[in-house]
Amino acid sequence: MTDQNHDPHNDARNSQAAREARSIVKFMIEHTAYGGFGALVFGALVLYFDIGGIYSLATSSRDAPIFIFLLFFGLFVTFGSISLGVGIMTLGGFSDDDRYRDERTRNRNSDDRK
């Protein structure tokens, strides 16, 4: 295929499915990042206020960096998955509106209305 015959609108990377896949991946990364930010804030506050003596225990150990990494990794997985789950579960919220017209009624063909 030469560059002269190449139509960017017919490219597989610009197909409707590829655009939808990119938007889904963007949605997932965005919501996981929100959860990751929440995990960083929560973990920093736990360490700052020394809740349960976690910071004291970590600093008295020679493996403090590993302990801190595992703490934040666990928080990131937990908060990220919660944020992603909430984002996914709220996707269908618009259908609870009584004024919502189902997509099938808008896209009906004229022969379907008999």
PDB file of N, CA and C in Angstrom:
ATOM      1  N   MET A   1       0.848  -1.161   0.000  1.00  0.00           N
ATOM      2  CA  MET A   1       0.000   0.000   0.000  1.00  0.00           C
ATOM      3  C   MET A   1       0.899   1.230   0.000  1.00  0.00           C
ATOM      4  N   THR A   2       0.645   2.113  -0.909  1.00  0.00           N
ATOM      5  CA  THR A   2       1.431   3.329  -0.997  1.00  0.00           C
ATOM      6  C   THR A   2       0.755   4.431  -0.194  1.00  0.00           C
ATOM      7  N   ASP A   3       1.507   5.485   0.057  1.00  0.00           N
ATOM      8  CA  ASP A   3       0.958   6.601   0.814  1.00  0.00           C
ATOM      9  C   ASP A   3      -0.128   7.332   0.038  1.00  0.00           C
ATOM     10  N   GLN A   4      -0.089   7.267  -1.310  1.00  0.00           N
ATOM     11  CA  GLN A   4      -1.093   7.952  -2.117  1.00  0.00           C
ATOM     12  C   GLN A   4      -2.448   7.260  -2.003  1.00  0.00           C
ATOM     13  N   ASN A   5      -2.459   5.940  -1.859  1.00  0.00           N
ATOM     14  CA  ASN A   5      -3.710   5.184  -1.782  1.00  0.00           C
ATOM     15  C   ASN A   5      -4.213   5.021  -0.349  1.00  0.00           C
ATOM     16  N   HIS A   6      -3.459   5.473   0.610  1.00  0.00           N
ATOM     17  CA  HIS A   6      -3.807   5.274   2.014  1.00  0.00           C
ATOM     18  C   HIS A   6      -4.837   6.321   2.452  1.00  0.00           C
ATOM     19  N   ASP A   7      -6.011   5.860   2.866  1.00  0.00           N
ATOM     20  CA  ASP A   7      -7.056   6.742   3.364  1.00  0.00           C
ATOM     21  C   ASP A   7      -7.104   6.626   4.885  1.00  0.00           C
ATOM     22  N   PRO A   8      -6.792   7.693   5.617  1.00  0.00           N
ATOM     23  CA  PRO A   8      -6.763   7.581   7.084  1.00  0.00           C
ATOM     24  C   PRO A   8      -8.130   7.284   7.686  1.00  0.00           C
ATOM     25  N   HIS A   9      -9.213   7.576   6.980  1.00  0.00           N
ATOM     26  CA  HIS A   9     -10.543   7.290   7.515  1.00  0.00           C
ATOM     27  C   HIS A   9     -10.874   5.796   7.448  1.00  0.00           C
ATOM     28  N   ASN A  10     -10.219   5.054   6.570  1.00  0.00           N
ATOM     29  CA  ASN A  10     -10.459   3.615   6.463  1.00  0.00           C
ATOM     30  C   ASN A  10      -9.455   2.802   7.270  1.00  0.00           C
ATOM     31  N   ASP A  11      -8.581   3.455   7.972  1.00  0.00           N
ATOM     32  CA  ASP A  11      -7.564   2.781   8.761  1.00  0.00           C
ATOM     33  C   ASP A  11      -8.221   2.055   9.939  1.00  0.00           C
ATOM     34  N   ALA A  12      -7.724   0.872  10.280  1.00  0.00           N
ATOM     35  CA  ALA A  12      -8.291   0.095  11.382  1.00  0.00           C
ATOM     36  C   ALA A  12      -8.125   0.819  12.714  1.00  0.00           C
ATOM     37  N   ARG A  13      -7.103   1.639  12.840  1.00  0.00           N
ATOM     38  CA  ARG A  13      -6.880   2.367  14.086  1.00  0.00           C
ATOM     39  C   ARG A  13      -7.873   3.501  14.266  1.00  0.00           C
ATOM     40  N   ASN A  14      -8.545   3.908  13.207  1.00  0.00           N
ATOM     41  CA  ASN A  14      -9.550   4.965  13.288  1.00  0.00           C
ATOM     42  C   ASN A  14     -10.967   4.422  13.188  1.00  0.00           C
ATOM     43  N   SER A  15     -11.131   3.140  13.282  1.00  0.00           N
ATOM     44  CA  SER A  15     -12.466   2.564  13.190  1.00  0.00           C
ATOM     45  C   SER A  15     -13.268   2.906  14.442  1.00  0.00           C
ATOM     46  N   GLN A  16     -14.559   2.732  14.346  1.00  0.00           N
ATOM     47  CA  GLN A  16     -15.452   3.004  15.480  1.00  0.00           C
ATOM     48  C   GLN A  16     -15.088   2.127  16.667  1.00  0.00           C
ATOM     49  N   ALA A  17     -14.786   0.859  16.419  1.00  0.00           N
ATOM     50  CA  ALA A  17     -14.428  -0.056  17.506  1.00  0.00           C
ATOM     51  C   ALA A  17     -13.134   0.372  18.180  1.00  0.00           C
ATOM     52  N   ALA A  18     -12.162   0.832  17.398  1.00  0.00           N
ATOM     53  CA  ALA A  18     -10.888   1.268  17.978  1.00  0.00           C
ATOM     54  C   ALA A  18     -11.078   2.530  18.812  1.00  0.00           C
ATOM     55  N   ARG A  19     -11.918   3.449  18.337  1.00  0.00           N
ATOM     56  CA  ARG A  19     -12.180   4.672  19.121  1.00  0.00           C
ATOM     57  C   ARG A  19     -12.896   4.342  20.422  1.00  0.00           C
ATOM     58  N   GLU A  20     -13.861   3.408  20.358  1.00  0.00           N
ATOM     59  CA  GLU A  20     -14.565   3.009  21.573  1.00  0.00           C
ATOM     60  C   GLU A  20     -13.627   2.305  22.546  1.00  0.00           C
ATOM     61  N   ALA A  21     -12.734   1.463  22.030  1.00  0.00           N
ATOM     62  CA  ALA A  21     -11.775   0.775  22.894  1.00  0.00           C
ATOM     63  C   ALA A  21     -10.846   1.773  23.575  1.00  0.00           C
ATOM     64  N   ARG A  22     -10.398   2.779  22.834  1.00  0.00           N
ATOM     65  CA  ARG A  22      -9.545   3.803  23.437  1.00  0.00           C
ATOM     66  C   ARG A  22     -10.288   4.579  24.519  1.00  0.00           C
ATOM     67  N   SER A  23     -11.565   4.870  24.286  1.00  0.00           N
ATOM     68  CA  SER A  23     -12.318   5.617  25.300  1.00  0.00           C
ATOM     69  C   SER A  23     -12.552   4.760  26.546  1.00  0.00           C
ATOM     70  N   ILE A  24     -12.731   3.464  26.373  1.00  0.00           N
ATOM     71  CA  ILE A  24     -12.896   2.573  27.518  1.00  0.00           C
ATOM     72  C   ILE A  24     -11.608   2.498  28.325  1.00  0.00           C
ATOM     73  N   VAL A  25     -10.482   2.350  27.632  1.00  0.00           N
ATOM     74  CA  VAL A  25      -9.191   2.287  28.324  1.00  0.00           C
ATOM     75  C   VAL A  25      -8.914   3.607  29.038  1.00  0.00           C
ATOM     76  N   LYS A  26      -9.226   4.733  28.383  1.00  0.00           N
ATOM     77  CA  LYS A  26      -9.036   6.044  29.016  1.00  0.00           C
ATOM     78  C   LYS A  26      -9.903   6.154  30.265  1.00  0.00           C
ATOM     79  N   PHE A  27     -11.150   5.700  30.189  1.00  0.00           N
ATOM     80  CA  PHE A  27     -12.063   5.716  31.324  1.00  0.00           C
ATOM     81  C   PHE A  27     -11.485   4.912  32.490  1.00  0.00           C
ATOM     82  N   MET A  28     -10.970   3.721  32.195  1.00  0.00           N
ATOM     83  CA  MET A  28     -10.424   2.858  33.245  1.00  0.00           C
ATOM     84  C   MET A  28      -9.176   3.462  33.879  1.00  0.00           C
ATOM     85  N   ILE A  29      -8.281   4.000  33.069  1.00  0.00           N
ATOM     86  CA  ILE A  29      -7.057   4.602  33.597  1.00  0.00           C
ATOM     87  C   ILE A  29      -7.395   5.834  34.432  1.00  0.00           C
ATOM     88  N   GLU A  30      -8.324   6.625  33.959  1.00  0.00           N
ATOM     89  CA  GLU A  30      -8.724   7.843  34.677  1.00  0.00           C
ATOM     90  C   GLU A  30      -9.285   7.520  36.058  1.00  0.00           C
ATOM     91  N   HIS A  31     -10.196   6.554  36.133  1.00  0.00           N
ATOM     92  CA  HIS A  31     -10.804   6.216  37.414  1.00  0.00           C
ATOM     93  C   HIS A  31      -9.813   5.511  38.342  1.00  0.00           C
ATOM     94  N   THR A  32      -8.927   4.713  37.785  1.00  0.00           N
ATOM     95  CA  THR A  32      -7.900   4.087  38.619  1.00  0.00           C
ATOM     96  C   THR A  32      -6.942   5.142  39.163  1.00  0.00           C
ATOM     97  N   ALA A  33      -6.648   6.158  38.379  1.00  0.00           N
ATOM     98  CA  ALA A  33      -5.783   7.249  38.850  1.00  0.00           C
ATOM     99  C   ALA A  33      -6.458   8.028  39.981  1.00  0.00           C
ATOM    100  N   TYR A  34      -7.770   8.232  39.888  1.00  0.00           N
ATOM    101  CA  TYR A  34      -8.484   8.891  40.987  1.00  0.00           C
ATOM    102  C   TYR A  34      -8.331   8.083  42.272  1.00  0.00           C
ATOM    103  N   GLY A  35      -8.509   6.786  42.168  1.00  0.00           N
ATOM    104  CA  GLY A  35      -8.334   5.918  43.338  1.00  0.00           C
ATOM    105  C   GLY A  35      -6.902   5.922  43.838  1.00  0.00           C
ATOM    106  N   GLY A  36      -5.945   5.970  42.917  1.00  0.00           N
ATOM    107  CA  GLY A  36      -4.537   6.026  43.313  1.00  0.00           C
ATOM    108  C   GLY A  36      -4.211   7.304  44.057  1.00  0.00           C
ATOM    109  N   PHE A  37      -4.793   8.414  43.617  1.00  0.00           N
ATOM    110  CA  PHE A  37      -4.591   9.678  44.331  1.00  0.00           C
ATOM    111  C   PHE A  37      -5.190   9.604  45.727  1.00  0.00           C
ATOM    112  N   GLY A  38      -6.368   9.018  45.834  1.00  0.00           N
ATOM    113  CA  GLY A  38      -6.989   8.834  47.154  1.00  0.00           C
ATOM    114  C   GLY A  38      -6.142   7.950  48.050  1.00  0.00           C
ATOM    115  N   ALA A  39      -5.518   6.917  47.467  1.00  0.00           N
ATOM    116  CA  ALA A  39      -4.647   6.023  48.238  1.00  0.00           C
ATOM    117  C   ALA A  39      -3.418   6.767  48.744  1.00  0.00           C
ATOM    118  N   LEU A  40      -2.845   7.621  47.893  1.00  0.00           N
ATOM    119  CA  LEU A  40      -1.673   8.397  48.323  1.00  0.00           C
ATOM    120  C   LEU A  40      -2.025   9.339  49.470  1.00  0.00           C
ATOM    121  N   VAL A  41      -3.150  10.006  49.349  1.00  0.00           N
ATOM    122  CA  VAL A  41      -3.567  10.932  50.403  1.00  0.00           C
ATOM    123  C   VAL A  41      -3.843  10.175  51.695  1.00  0.00           C
ATOM    124  N   PHE A  42      -4.588   9.086  51.603  1.00  0.00           N
ATOM    125  CA  PHE A  42      -4.935   8.310  52.789  1.00  0.00           C
ATOM    126  C   PHE A  42      -3.680   7.719  53.436  1.00  0.00           C
ATOM    127  N   GLY A  43      -2.793   7.151  52.636  1.00  0.00           N
ATOM    128  CA  GLY A  43      -1.561   6.565  53.175  1.00  0.00           C
ATOM    129  C   GLY A  43      -0.673   7.608  53.825  1.00  0.00           C
ATOM    130  N   ALA A  44      -0.574   8.783  53.209  1.00  0.00           N
ATOM    131  CA  ALA A  44       0.236   9.856  53.794  1.00  0.00           C
ATOM    132  C   ALA A  44      -0.356  10.319  55.123  1.00  0.00           C
ATOM    133  N   LEU A  45      -1.670  10.410  55.199  1.00  0.00           N
ATOM    134  CA  LEU A  45      -2.310  10.816  56.453  1.00  0.00           C
ATOM    135  C   LEU A  45      -2.133   9.758  57.536  1.00  0.00           C
ATOM    136  N   VAL A  46      -2.227   8.489  57.161  1.00  0.00           N
ATOM    137  CA  VAL A  46      -2.020   7.409  58.140  1.00  0.00           C
ATOM    138  C   VAL A  46      -0.600   7.468  58.695  1.00  0.00           C
ATOM    139  N   LEU A  47       0.368   7.671  57.822  1.00  0.00           N
ATOM    140  CA  LEU A  47       1.751   7.744  58.287  1.00  0.00           C
ATOM    141  C   LEU A  47       2.010   9.032  59.072  1.00  0.00           C
ATOM    142  N   TYR A  48       1.452  10.146  58.629  1.00  0.00           N
ATOM    143  CA  TYR A  48       1.686  11.425  59.297  1.00  0.00           C
ATOM    144  C   TYR A  48       1.128  11.421  60.723  1.00  0.00           C
ATOM    145  N   PHE A  49      -0.094  10.917  60.880  1.00  0.00           N
ATOM    146  CA  PHE A  49      -0.713  10.890  62.206  1.00  0.00           C
ATOM    147  C   PHE A  49      -0.355   9.633  62.991  1.00  0.00           C
ATOM    148  N   ASP A  50       0.441   8.773  62.422  1.00  0.00           N
ATOM    149  CA  ASP A  50       0.938   7.552  63.084  1.00  0.00           C
ATOM    150  C   ASP A  50      -0.207   6.723  63.661  1.00  0.00           C
ATOM    151  N   ILE A  51      -1.223   6.503  62.843  1.00  0.00           N
ATOM    152  CA  ILE A  51      -2.396   5.745  63.267  1.00  0.00           C
ATOM    153  C   ILE A  51      -1.987   4.288  63.502  1.00  0.00           C
ATOM    154  N   GLY A  52      -2.289   3.799  64.672  1.00  0.00           N
ATOM    155  CA  GLY A  52      -1.949   2.426  65.032  1.00  0.00           C
ATOM    156  C   GLY A  52      -0.450   2.212  65.207  1.00  0.00           C
ATOM    157  N   GLY A  53       0.314   3.283  65.261  1.00  0.00           N
ATOM    158  CA  GLY A  53       1.761   3.161  65.417  1.00  0.00           C
ATOM    159  C   GLY A  53       2.466   2.617  64.189  1.00  0.00           C
ATOM    160  N   ILE A  54       1.819   2.740  63.029  1.00  0.00           N
ATOM    161  CA  ILE A  54       2.386   2.171  61.798  1.00  0.00           C
ATOM    162  C   ILE A  54       3.689   2.859  61.419  1.00  0.00           C
ATOM    163  N   TYR A  55       3.727   4.182  61.503  1.00  0.00           N
ATOM    164  CA  TYR A  55       4.948   4.895  61.129  1.00  0.00           C
ATOM    165  C   TYR A  55       6.084   4.574  62.102  1.00  0.00           C
ATOM    166  N   SER A  56       5.764   4.480  63.386  1.00  0.00           N
ATOM    167  CA  SER A  56       6.788   4.134  64.383  1.00  0.00           C
ATOM    168  C   SER A  56       7.351   2.745  64.131  1.00  0.00           C
ATOM    169  N   LEU A  57       6.464   1.802  63.820  1.00  0.00           N
ATOM    170  CA  LEU A  57       6.920   0.445  63.522  1.00  0.00           C
ATOM    171  C   LEU A  57       7.782   0.408  62.265  1.00  0.00           C
ATOM    172  N   ALA A  58       7.382   1.162  61.261  1.00  0.00           N
ATOM    173  CA  ALA A  58       8.125   1.166  59.996  1.00  0.00           C
ATOM    174  C   ALA A  58       9.509   1.769  60.173  1.00  0.00           C
ATOM    175  N   THR A  59       9.589   2.881  60.883  1.00  0.00           N
ATOM    176  CA  THR A  59      10.884   3.534  61.025  1.00  0.00           C
ATOM    177  C   THR A  59      11.822   2.787  61.962  1.00  0.00           C
ATOM    178  N   SER A  60      11.289   1.975  62.864  1.00  0.00           N
ATOM    179  CA  SER A  60      12.167   1.214  63.757  1.00  0.00           C
ATOM    180  C   SER A  60      12.696  -0.051  63.090  1.00  0.00           C
ATOM    181  N   SER A  61      12.156  -0.400  61.946  1.00  0.00           N
ATOM    182  CA  SER A  61      12.595  -1.593  61.226  1.00  0.00           C
ATOM    183  C   SER A  61      13.651  -1.225  60.193  1.00  0.00           C
ATOM    184  N   ARG A  62      14.528  -2.174  59.907  1.00  0.00           N
ATOM    185  CA  ARG A  62      15.525  -1.917  58.863  1.00  0.00           C
ATOM    186  C   ARG A  62      14.922  -2.072  57.468  1.00  0.00           C
ATOM    187  N   ASP A  63      13.734  -2.670  57.373  1.00  0.00           N
ATOM    188  CA  ASP A  63      13.048  -2.874  56.100  1.00  0.00           C
ATOM    189  C   ASP A  63      11.943  -1.843  55.886  1.00  0.00           C
ATOM    190  N   ALA A  64      12.149  -0.642  56.375  1.00  0.00           N
ATOM    191  CA  ALA A  64      11.124   0.406  56.284  1.00  0.00           C
ATOM    192  C   ALA A  64      10.702   0.700  54.840  1.00  0.00           C
ATOM    193  N   PRO A  65      11.618   0.805  53.874  1.00  0.00           N
ATOM    194  CA  PRO A  65      11.157   1.098  52.506  1.00  0.00           C
ATOM    195  C   PRO A  65      10.243   0.012  51.935  1.00  0.00           C
ATOM    196  N   ILE A  66      10.530  -1.226  52.239  1.00  0.00           N
ATOM    197  CA  ILE A  66       9.680  -2.322  51.755  1.00  0.00           C
ATOM    198  C   ILE A  66       8.306  -2.238  52.409  1.00  0.00           C
ATOM    199  N   PHE A  67       8.296  -1.975  53.707  1.00  0.00           N
ATOM    200  CA  PHE A  67       7.024  -1.856  54.424  1.00  0.00           C
ATOM    201  C   PHE A  67       6.174  -0.726  53.855  1.00  0.00           C
ATOM    202  N   ILE A  68       6.783   0.438  53.636  1.00  0.00           N
ATOM    203  CA  ILE A  68       6.054   1.591  53.094  1.00  0.00           C
ATOM    204  C   ILE A  68       5.551   1.289  51.681  1.00  0.00           C
ATOM    205  N   PHE A  69       6.399   0.645  50.870  1.00  0.00           N
ATOM    206  CA  PHE A  69       5.979   0.272  49.511  1.00  0.00           C
ATOM    207  C   PHE A  69       4.775  -0.664  49.551  1.00  0.00           C
ATOM    208  N   LEU A  70       4.827  -1.679  50.403  1.00  0.00           N
ATOM    209  CA  LEU A  70       3.713  -2.629  50.490  1.00  0.00           C
ATOM    210  C   LEU A  70       2.440  -1.963  51.002  1.00  0.00           C
ATOM    211  N   LEU A  71       2.583  -1.032  51.934  1.00  0.00           N
ATOM    212  CA  LEU A  71       1.424  -0.297  52.427  1.00  0.00           C
ATOM    213  C   LEU A  71       0.755   0.475  51.298  1.00  0.00           C
ATOM    214  N   PHE A  72       1.558   1.241  50.558  1.00  0.00           N
ATOM    215  CA  PHE A  72       0.988   2.054  49.480  1.00  0.00           C
ATOM    216  C   PHE A  72       0.512   1.199  48.306  1.00  0.00           C
ATOM    217  N   PHE A  73       1.184   0.096  48.032  1.00  0.00           N
ATOM    218  CA  PHE A  73       0.732  -0.795  46.965  1.00  0.00           C
ATOM    219  C   PHE A  73      -0.645  -1.374  47.300  1.00  0.00           C
ATOM    220  N   GLY A  74      -0.806  -1.836  48.519  1.00  0.00           N
ATOM    221  CA  GLY A  74      -2.108  -2.374  48.940  1.00  0.00           C
ATOM    222  C   GLY A  74      -3.203  -1.328  48.898  1.00  0.00           C
ATOM    223  N   LEU A  75      -2.864  -0.118  49.341  1.00  0.00           N
ATOM    224  CA  LEU A  75      -3.853   0.963  49.301  1.00  0.00           C
ATOM    225  C   LEU A  75      -4.203   1.328  47.861  1.00  0.00           C
ATOM    226  N   PHE A  76      -3.195   1.352  46.985  1.00  0.00           N
ATOM    227  CA  PHE A  76      -3.455   1.681  45.588  1.00  0.00           C
ATOM    228  C   PHE A  76      -4.374   0.649  44.943  1.00  0.00           C
ATOM    229  N   VAL A  77      -4.115  -0.623  45.172  1.00  0.00           N
ATOM    230  CA  VAL A  77      -4.962  -1.673  44.596  1.00  0.00           C
ATOM    231  C   VAL A  77      -6.384  -1.549  45.130  1.00  0.00           C
ATOM    232  N   THR A  78      -6.519  -1.332  46.423  1.00  0.00           N
ATOM    233  CA  THR A  78      -7.847  -1.246  47.032  1.00  0.00           C
ATOM    234  C   THR A  78      -8.608  -0.013  46.562  1.00  0.00           C
ATOM    235  N   PHE A  79      -8.006   1.157  46.689  1.00  0.00           N
ATOM    236  CA  PHE A  79      -8.694   2.386  46.323  1.00  0.00           C
ATOM    237  C   PHE A  79      -8.907   2.468  44.811  1.00  0.00           C
ATOM    238  N   GLY A  80      -7.938   2.006  44.033  1.00  0.00           N
ATOM    239  CA  GLY A  80      -8.089   2.029  42.579  1.00  0.00           C
ATOM    240  C   GLY A  80      -9.225   1.143  42.110  1.00  0.00           C
ATOM    241  N   SER A  81      -9.333  -0.049  42.695  1.00  0.00           N
ATOM    242  CA  SER A  81     -10.409  -0.945  42.278  1.00  0.00           C
ATOM    243  C   SER A  81     -11.767  -0.436  42.739  1.00  0.00           C
ATOM    244  N   ILE A  82     -11.824   0.178  43.902  1.00  0.00           N
ATOM    245  CA  ILE A  82     -13.096   0.752  44.369  1.00  0.00           C
ATOM    246  C   ILE A  82     -13.516   1.899  43.451  1.00  0.00           C
ATOM    247  N   SER A  83     -12.580   2.761  43.104  1.00  0.00           N
ATOM    248  CA  SER A  83     -12.893   3.885  42.227  1.00  0.00           C
ATOM    249  C   SER A  83     -13.331   3.403  40.848  1.00  0.00           C
ATOM    250  N   LEU A  84     -12.652   2.421  40.315  1.00  0.00           N
ATOM    251  CA  LEU A  84     -13.023   1.873  39.016  1.00  0.00           C
ATOM    252  C   LEU A  84     -14.397   1.210  39.081  1.00  0.00           C
ATOM    253  N   GLY A  85     -14.660   0.466  40.143  1.00  0.00           N
ATOM    254  CA  GLY A  85     -15.962  -0.176  40.308  1.00  0.00           C
ATOM    255  C   GLY A  85     -17.093   0.826  40.412  1.00  0.00           C
ATOM    256  N   VAL A  86     -16.881   1.896  41.169  1.00  0.00           N
ATOM    257  CA  VAL A  86     -17.907   2.934  41.291  1.00  0.00           C
ATOM    258  C   VAL A  86     -18.131   3.606  39.942  1.00  0.00           C
ATOM    259  N   GLY A  87     -17.063   3.872  39.213  1.00  0.00           N
ATOM    260  CA  GLY A  87     -17.198   4.480  37.892  1.00  0.00           C
ATOM    261  C   GLY A  87     -17.986   3.609  36.937  1.00  0.00           C
ATOM    262  N   ILE A  88     -17.722   2.319  36.956  1.00  0.00           N
ATOM    263  CA  ILE A  88     -18.431   1.395  36.070  1.00  0.00           C
ATOM    264  C   ILE A  88     -19.893   1.277  36.478  1.00  0.00           C
ATOM    265  N   MET A  89     -20.152   1.209  37.776  1.00  0.00           N
ATOM    266  CA  MET A  89     -21.531   1.044  38.223  1.00  0.00           C
ATOM    267  C   MET A  89     -22.382   2.285  37.997  1.00  0.00           C
ATOM    268  N   THR A  90     -21.758   3.452  37.900  1.00  0.00           N
ATOM    269  CA  THR A  90     -22.547   4.663  37.663  1.00  0.00           C
ATOM    270  C   THR A  90     -22.733   4.954  36.181  1.00  0.00           C
ATOM    271  N   LEU A  91     -22.194   4.135  35.304  1.00  0.00           N
ATOM    272  CA  LEU A  91     -22.378   4.354  33.869  1.00  0.00           C
ATOM    273  C   LEU A  91     -23.840   4.254  33.457  1.00  0.00           C
ATOM    274  N   GLY A  92     -24.609   3.373  34.052  1.00  0.00           N
ATOM    275  CA  GLY A  92     -25.999   3.174  33.662  1.00  0.00           C
ATOM    276  C   GLY A  92     -26.970   4.049  34.406  1.00  0.00           C
ATOM    277  N   GLY A  93     -26.503   5.026  35.140  1.00  0.00           N
ATOM    278  CA  GLY A  93     -27.368   5.857  35.959  1.00  0.00           C
ATOM    279  C   GLY A  93     -28.379   6.660  35.172  1.00  0.00           C
ATOM    280  N   PHE A  94     -28.090   6.982  33.913  1.00  0.00           N
ATOM    281  CA  PHE A  94     -29.005   7.805  33.131  1.00  0.00           C
ATOM    282  C   PHE A  94     -30.286   7.070  32.805  1.00  0.00           C
ATOM    283  N   SER A  95     -30.302   5.754  32.806  1.00  0.00           N
ATOM    284  CA  SER A  95     -31.493   5.004  32.427  1.00  0.00           C
ATOM    285  C   SER A  95     -32.541   4.992  33.528  1.00  0.00           C
ATOM    286  N   ASP A  96     -32.216   5.476  34.729  1.00  0.00           N
ATOM    287  CA  ASP A  96     -33.188   5.530  35.804  1.00  0.00           C
ATOM    288  C   ASP A  96     -34.123   6.724  35.683  1.00  0.00           C
ATOM    289  N   ASP A  97     -33.846   7.606  34.749  1.00  0.00           N
ATOM    290  CA  ASP A  97     -34.662   8.790  34.533  1.00  0.00           C
ATOM    291  C   ASP A  97     -35.939   8.387  33.802  1.00  0.00           C
ATOM    292  N   ASP A  98     -37.079   8.802  34.301  1.00  0.00           N
ATOM    293  CA  ASP A  98     -38.359   8.449  33.669  1.00  0.00           C
ATOM    294  C   ASP A  98     -38.494   9.085  32.293  1.00  0.00           C
ATOM    295  N   ARG A  99     -37.823  10.208  32.054  1.00  0.00           N
ATOM    296  CA  ARG A  99     -37.920  10.891  30.769  1.00  0.00           C
ATOM    297  C   ARG A  99     -36.989  10.287  29.730  1.00  0.00           C
ATOM    298  N   TYR A 100     -36.172   9.336  30.124  1.00  0.00           N
ATOM    299  CA  TYR A 100     -35.204   8.724  29.205  1.00  0.00           C
ATOM    300  C   TYR A 100     -35.937   7.918  28.139  1.00  0.00           C
ATOM    301  N   ARG A 101     -35.615   8.205  26.884  1.00  0.00           N
ATOM    302  CA  ARG A 101     -36.196   7.438  25.782  1.00  0.00           C
ATOM    303  C   ARG A 101     -35.183   6.419  25.334  1.00  0.00           C
ATOM    304  N   ASP A 102     -35.620   5.203  25.276  1.00  0.00           N
ATOM    305  CA  ASP A 102     -34.727   4.118  24.909  1.00  0.00           C
ATOM    306  C   ASP A 102     -34.197   4.320  23.495  1.00  0.00           C
ATOM    307  N   GLU A 103     -32.978   3.956  23.275  1.00  0.00           N
ATOM    308  CA  GLU A 103     -32.328   4.140  21.979  1.00  0.00           C
ATOM    309  C   GLU A 103     -33.085   3.404  20.868  1.00  0.00           C
ATOM    310  N   ARG A 104     -33.740   2.318  21.208  1.00  0.00           N
ATOM    311  CA  ARG A 104     -34.483   1.558  20.191  1.00  0.00           C
ATOM    312  C   ARG A 104     -35.630   2.367  19.620  1.00  0.00           C
ATOM    313  N   THR A 105     -36.270   3.216  20.420  1.00  0.00           N
ATOM    314  CA  THR A 105     -37.394   4.006  19.896  1.00  0.00           C
ATOM    315  C   THR A 105     -36.909   5.127  18.991  1.00  0.00           C
ATOM    316  N   ARG A 106     -35.711   5.640  19.230  1.00  0.00           N
ATOM    317  CA  ARG A 106     -35.184   6.701  18.377  1.00  0.00           C
ATOM    318  C   ARG A 106     -34.672   6.166  17.047  1.00  0.00           C
ATOM    319  N   ASN A 107     -34.208   4.935  17.015  1.00  0.00           N
ATOM    320  CA  ASN A 107     -33.583   4.384  15.819  1.00  0.00           C
ATOM    321  C   ASN A 107     -34.491   3.413  15.075  1.00  0.00           C
ATOM    322  N   ARG A 108     -35.782   3.486  15.320  1.00  0.00           N
ATOM    323  CA  ARG A 108     -36.722   2.612  14.650  1.00  0.00           C
ATOM    324  C   ARG A 108     -36.861   2.952  13.184  1.00  0.00           C
ATOM    325  N   ASN A 109     -36.924   1.933  12.339  1.00  0.00           N
ATOM    326  CA  ASN A 109     -37.188   2.145  10.910  1.00  0.00           C
ATOM    327  C   ASN A 109     -38.669   2.414  10.708  1.00  0.00           C
ATOM    328  N   SER A 110     -39.025   3.002   9.598  1.00  0.00           N
ATOM    329  CA  SER A 110     -40.444   3.310   9.343  1.00  0.00           C
ATOM    330  C   SER A 110     -41.268   2.033   9.194  1.00  0.00           C
ATOM    331  N   ASP A 111     -40.696   0.923   8.702  1.00  0.00           N
ATOM    332  CA  ASP A 111     -41.469  -0.314   8.559  1.00  0.00           C
ATOM    333  C   ASP A 111     -41.641  -1.019   9.909  1.00  0.00           C
ATOM    334  N   ASP A 112     -40.908  -0.633  10.941  1.00  0.00           N
ATOM    335  CA  ASP A 112     -41.075  -1.228  12.263  1.00  0.00           C
ATOM    336  C   ASP A 112     -42.274  -0.645  12.989  1.00  0.00           C
ATOM    337  N   ARG A 113     -42.830   0.458  12.489  1.00  0.00           N
ATOM    338  CA  ARG A 113     -43.914   1.166  13.202  1.00  0.00           C
ATOM    339  C   ARG A 113     -45.294   0.727  12.744  1.00  0.00           C
ATOM    340  N   LYS A 114     -45.440  -0.385  12.195  1.00  0.00           N
ATOM    341  CA  LYS A 114     -46.742  -0.864  11.675  1.00  0.00           C
ATOM    342  C   LYS A 114     -47.743  -1.089  12.746  1.00  0.00           C
TER     343      LYS A 114
END
